Protein backbone atom coordinates (compact mmCIF):
# COMPACT_ATOMS: atom_id res chain seq x y z
CA MET A 1 -5.20 -5.22 47.33
CA PRO A 2 -7.83 -7.98 47.35
CA ILE A 3 -8.73 -7.75 43.68
CA VAL A 4 -6.06 -9.24 41.43
CA VAL A 5 -6.09 -8.56 37.59
CA ASN A 6 -5.12 -11.74 35.58
CA LEU A 7 -5.12 -10.05 32.28
CA ASP A 8 -1.54 -11.04 31.53
CA ILE A 9 -2.43 -14.76 32.14
CA MET A 10 -5.35 -14.54 29.76
CA LEU A 11 -3.17 -12.81 27.14
CA ALA A 12 -0.72 -15.59 27.41
CA LYS A 13 -3.33 -18.31 27.12
CA ARG A 14 -4.82 -16.60 23.96
CA LYS A 15 -1.34 -15.92 22.60
CA VAL A 16 -2.23 -12.23 22.15
CA LYS A 17 0.26 -9.37 22.53
CA SER A 18 -0.69 -6.43 24.68
CA ARG A 19 -0.09 -4.03 21.77
CA ASP A 20 -2.62 -5.92 19.65
CA LEU A 21 -5.25 -6.03 22.37
CA ALA A 22 -4.83 -2.28 23.05
CA GLU A 23 -5.13 -1.42 19.36
CA GLN A 24 -8.34 -3.68 18.97
CA ILE A 25 -10.19 -2.25 21.95
CA GLY A 26 -9.21 1.37 21.56
CA ILE A 27 -6.97 2.14 24.53
CA THR A 28 -3.33 3.10 24.74
CA GLU A 29 -0.73 0.49 25.52
CA ALA A 30 0.20 2.63 28.67
CA ASN A 31 -3.35 2.35 30.00
CA LEU A 32 -3.49 -1.41 29.30
CA SER A 33 -0.17 -1.81 31.14
CA LEU A 34 -1.64 -0.02 34.18
CA LEU A 35 -4.58 -2.27 34.05
CA LYS A 36 -2.46 -5.35 33.81
CA SER A 37 -0.38 -4.26 36.81
CA GLY A 38 -3.52 -3.57 38.93
CA LYS A 39 -2.47 0.10 39.36
CA VAL A 40 -5.91 1.40 38.42
CA LYS A 41 -8.74 2.20 40.73
CA GLY A 42 -11.48 1.21 38.25
CA VAL A 43 -12.22 -0.06 34.84
CA ARG A 44 -15.13 0.92 32.62
CA PHE A 45 -17.56 -1.82 31.81
CA ALA A 46 -17.23 -0.88 28.17
CA THR A 47 -13.44 -1.57 28.26
CA LEU A 48 -14.00 -4.79 30.21
CA GLU A 49 -16.59 -5.88 27.69
CA ALA A 50 -14.23 -5.11 24.76
CA ILE A 51 -11.43 -7.11 26.38
CA CYS A 52 -13.75 -10.06 27.05
CA ARG A 53 -15.10 -9.95 23.51
CA TYR A 54 -11.70 -9.90 21.96
CA LEU A 55 -10.16 -12.57 24.30
CA ASP A 56 -13.34 -14.71 24.25
CA CYS A 57 -13.47 -14.87 28.06
CA GLN A 58 -15.55 -13.89 31.01
CA PRO A 59 -14.84 -11.02 33.49
CA GLY A 60 -14.14 -13.59 36.19
CA ASP A 61 -11.24 -14.92 34.10
CA LEU A 62 -9.64 -11.47 34.33
CA LEU A 63 -10.56 -10.43 37.85
CA GLU A 64 -9.99 -12.41 41.00
CA TYR A 65 -10.93 -11.58 44.62
CA LEU A 66 -8.32 -12.66 47.23
CA ALA A 67 -9.27 -11.95 50.85
CA ASP A 68 -6.53 -10.15 52.94
CA GLU A 69 -4.95 -12.25 55.43
CA GLU A 70 -5.10 -10.85 58.98
């Protein structure tokens, strides 16, 4: 998949636990885990906004486009 989720990297940089982030932004740890692993088909802008606000980052810090090699 060409979109890579770098949420785990940002959590490590900010020294924030997944559990704490999930609690602060109002989603379950299970849903946050799915988002971190890239196993979701989409993410709500409200959720993305809450993550960026809490981690003090930009959406581009969390999402990256990698072209498929052919």
